[in-house]
N, C-alpha and C. Protein backbone atom coordinates (compact mmCIF):
# COMPACT_ATOMS: atom_id res chain seq x y z
N MET A 1 -145.85 84.17 44.89
CA MET A 1 -144.79 85.13 45.15
C MET A 1 -143.90 85.19 43.91
N SER A 2 -143.71 86.40 43.40
CA SER A 2 -142.83 86.55 42.25
C SER A 2 -141.40 86.74 42.73
N ILE A 3 -140.48 86.44 41.86
CA ILE A 3 -139.07 86.58 42.22
C ILE A 3 -138.73 88.03 42.52
N GLU A 4 -139.36 88.95 41.79
CA GLU A 4 -139.06 90.37 42.00
C GLU A 4 -139.45 90.84 43.40
N ASN A 5 -140.50 90.24 43.98
CA ASN A 5 -140.98 90.66 45.29
C ASN A 5 -140.41 89.84 46.44
N ALA A 6 -139.58 88.86 46.13
CA ALA A 6 -139.04 88.00 47.17
C ALA A 6 -138.05 88.77 48.04
N GLU A 7 -138.12 88.50 49.32
CA GLU A 7 -137.18 89.11 50.26
C GLU A 7 -136.01 88.15 50.45
N ILE A 8 -134.86 88.69 50.84
CA ILE A 8 -133.70 87.83 51.10
C ILE A 8 -134.06 86.86 52.21
N CYS A 9 -133.77 85.60 51.97
CA CYS A 9 -134.03 84.50 52.91
C CYS A 9 -135.52 84.22 53.11
N SER A 10 -136.38 84.73 52.26
CA SER A 10 -137.82 84.46 52.39
C SER A 10 -138.12 83.00 52.09
N GLU A 11 -137.18 82.31 51.44
CA GLU A 11 -137.42 80.90 51.10
C GLU A 11 -137.58 80.03 52.33
N TYR A 12 -137.05 80.47 53.47
CA TYR A 12 -137.19 79.65 54.68
C TYR A 12 -138.64 79.60 55.17
N ALA A 13 -139.39 80.67 54.95
CA ALA A 13 -140.80 80.66 55.31
C ALA A 13 -141.59 79.78 54.34
N GLU A 14 -141.20 79.85 53.07
CA GLU A 14 -141.91 79.10 52.04
C GLU A 14 -141.50 77.63 52.01
N PHE A 15 -140.22 77.36 52.26
CA PHE A 15 -139.69 76.00 52.25
C PHE A 15 -138.94 75.74 53.55
N PRO A 16 -139.64 75.42 54.62
CA PRO A 16 -138.97 75.25 55.92
C PRO A 16 -137.90 74.15 55.92
N GLU A 17 -138.00 73.21 54.98
CA GLU A 17 -136.99 72.15 54.93
C GLU A 17 -135.61 72.71 54.59
N LEU A 18 -135.55 73.88 53.96
CA LEU A 18 -134.25 74.50 53.67
C LEU A 18 -133.60 75.07 54.92
N ASP A 19 -134.36 75.23 55.97
CA ASP A 19 -133.84 75.77 57.23
C ASP A 19 -133.36 74.67 58.17
N ASP A 20 -133.46 73.42 57.74
CA ASP A 20 -133.02 72.28 58.53
C ASP A 20 -131.52 72.38 58.79
N LEU A 21 -131.09 72.13 60.01
CA LEU A 21 -129.68 72.27 60.39
C LEU A 21 -128.76 71.37 59.56
N ASP A 22 -129.17 70.12 59.33
CA ASP A 22 -128.33 69.22 58.54
C ASP A 22 -128.20 69.72 57.10
N PHE A 23 -129.30 70.21 56.53
CA PHE A 23 -129.25 70.74 55.18
C PHE A 23 -128.38 71.99 55.12
N GLN A 24 -128.47 72.84 56.13
CA GLN A 24 -127.65 74.05 56.18
C GLN A 24 -126.16 73.70 56.22
N LYS A 25 -125.79 72.68 57.00
CA LYS A 25 -124.39 72.24 57.05
C LYS A 25 -123.93 71.72 55.70
N LEU A 26 -124.78 70.94 55.04
CA LEU A 26 -124.46 70.43 53.71
C LEU A 26 -124.30 71.56 52.71
N ALA A 27 -125.23 72.50 52.73
CA ALA A 27 -125.18 73.63 51.80
C ALA A 27 -123.93 74.47 52.02
N ARG A 28 -123.62 74.77 53.28
CA ARG A 28 -122.44 75.58 53.59
C ARG A 28 -121.16 74.85 53.14
N GLY A 29 -121.11 73.55 53.34
CA GLY A 29 -119.96 72.77 52.90
C GLY A 29 -119.79 72.80 51.39
N ARG A 30 -120.89 72.69 50.66
CA ARG A 30 -120.82 72.73 49.20
C ARG A 30 -120.35 74.10 48.71
N VAL A 31 -120.91 75.15 49.31
CA VAL A 31 -120.53 76.51 48.90
C VAL A 31 -119.07 76.76 49.22
N ARG A 32 -118.61 76.35 50.38
CA ARG A 32 -117.19 76.54 50.73
C ARG A 32 -116.28 75.82 49.75
N LYS A 33 -116.68 74.60 49.36
CA LYS A 33 -115.87 73.82 48.42
C LYS A 33 -115.81 74.53 47.06
N LEU A 34 -116.94 75.04 46.59
CA LEU A 34 -116.96 75.78 45.33
C LEU A 34 -116.12 77.06 45.41
N MET A 35 -116.26 77.78 46.52
CA MET A 35 -115.54 79.05 46.68
C MET A 35 -114.04 78.84 46.80
N HIS A 36 -113.64 77.70 47.34
CA HIS A 36 -112.21 77.45 47.53
C HIS A 36 -111.46 77.46 46.20
N ALA A 37 -112.17 77.19 45.10
CA ALA A 37 -111.53 77.19 43.79
C ALA A 37 -111.02 78.57 43.40
N PHE A 38 -111.73 79.63 43.80
CA PHE A 38 -111.28 80.97 43.41
C PHE A 38 -110.95 81.86 44.60
N MET A 39 -111.16 81.37 45.81
CA MET A 39 -110.84 82.14 47.00
C MET A 39 -110.32 81.17 48.07
N PRO A 40 -109.04 80.76 47.98
CA PRO A 40 -108.51 79.73 48.88
C PRO A 40 -108.64 80.04 50.37
N ALA A 41 -108.46 81.30 50.75
CA ALA A 41 -108.60 81.64 52.17
C ALA A 41 -110.09 81.73 52.51
N ASP A 42 -110.44 81.31 53.70
CA ASP A 42 -111.84 81.33 54.12
C ASP A 42 -112.29 82.77 54.42
N HIS A 43 -113.34 83.21 53.76
CA HIS A 43 -113.90 84.54 53.99
C HIS A 43 -115.38 84.35 54.36
N PRO A 44 -115.70 84.33 55.66
CA PRO A 44 -117.07 84.03 56.09
C PRO A 44 -118.15 84.93 55.48
N GLU A 45 -117.88 86.23 55.34
CA GLU A 45 -118.91 87.11 54.78
C GLU A 45 -119.21 86.74 53.33
N ALA A 46 -118.17 86.45 52.56
CA ALA A 46 -118.36 86.06 51.16
C ALA A 46 -119.07 84.72 51.08
N THR A 47 -118.70 83.79 51.96
CA THR A 47 -119.37 82.49 51.99
C THR A 47 -120.85 82.66 52.28
N ASP A 48 -121.19 83.50 53.25
CA ASP A 48 -122.59 83.73 53.59
C ASP A 48 -123.35 84.34 52.43
N LEU A 49 -122.74 85.27 51.72
CA LEU A 49 -123.40 85.90 50.59
C LEU A 49 -123.65 84.89 49.47
N VAL A 50 -122.65 84.10 49.14
CA VAL A 50 -122.81 83.09 48.09
C VAL A 50 -123.83 82.04 48.53
N LEU A 51 -123.84 81.69 49.80
CA LEU A 51 -124.82 80.74 50.31
C LEU A 51 -126.24 81.28 50.15
N GLU A 52 -126.46 82.57 50.43
CA GLU A 52 -127.78 83.17 50.24
C GLU A 52 -128.20 83.10 48.78
N VAL A 53 -127.28 83.40 47.87
CA VAL A 53 -127.58 83.36 46.44
C VAL A 53 -127.91 81.92 46.03
N TRP A 54 -127.13 80.97 46.52
CA TRP A 54 -127.36 79.57 46.20
C TRP A 54 -128.73 79.11 46.70
N MET A 55 -129.06 79.49 47.95
CA MET A 55 -130.36 79.10 48.53
C MET A 55 -131.51 79.76 47.78
N ASP A 56 -131.36 81.01 47.38
CA ASP A 56 -132.40 81.68 46.60
C ASP A 56 -132.61 80.94 45.27
N GLY A 57 -131.53 80.53 44.65
CA GLY A 57 -131.64 79.77 43.40
C GLY A 57 -132.31 78.43 43.61
N LEU A 58 -131.98 77.76 44.69
CA LEU A 58 -132.60 76.47 45.01
C LEU A 58 -134.10 76.65 45.26
N ALA A 59 -134.46 77.69 45.99
CA ALA A 59 -135.88 77.96 46.25
C ALA A 59 -136.62 78.27 44.95
N THR A 60 -135.98 78.99 44.04
CA THR A 60 -136.60 79.26 42.74
C THR A 60 -136.84 77.97 41.98
N GLY A 61 -135.87 77.06 42.01
CA GLY A 61 -136.05 75.76 41.37
C GLY A 61 -137.19 74.98 41.99
N LEU A 62 -137.32 75.03 43.32
CA LEU A 62 -138.42 74.35 44.00
C LEU A 62 -139.76 74.96 43.63
N ARG A 63 -139.81 76.28 43.51
CA ARG A 63 -141.04 76.94 43.09
C ARG A 63 -141.45 76.50 41.68
N MET A 64 -140.47 76.46 40.78
CA MET A 64 -140.75 76.06 39.40
C MET A 64 -141.22 74.61 39.34
N ALA A 65 -140.60 73.74 40.12
CA ALA A 65 -141.01 72.33 40.14
C ALA A 65 -142.42 72.18 40.70
N ARG A 66 -142.75 72.98 41.71
CA ARG A 66 -144.08 72.92 42.30
C ARG A 66 -145.13 73.40 41.31
N GLU A 67 -144.82 74.42 40.53
CA GLU A 67 -145.77 74.97 39.56
C GLU A 67 -146.01 74.01 38.40
N ASN A 68 -145.02 73.16 38.10
CA ASN A 68 -145.18 72.19 37.02
C ASN A 68 -145.84 70.98 37.59
């Protein structure tokens, strides 16, 4: 699967461990902590968007590691 053809959240089918509830809580906590630096008030839609971008990047890293 190339990055250009990847669908949003397709990494969950490819890497089911990313869909684990404990991992999701950890990821959301990290993203919220990072976002708090430039957006002190909690904005759930923005958090979800940044979380998707973060997860896509993590999946890309996992793909690259698997290929090597």
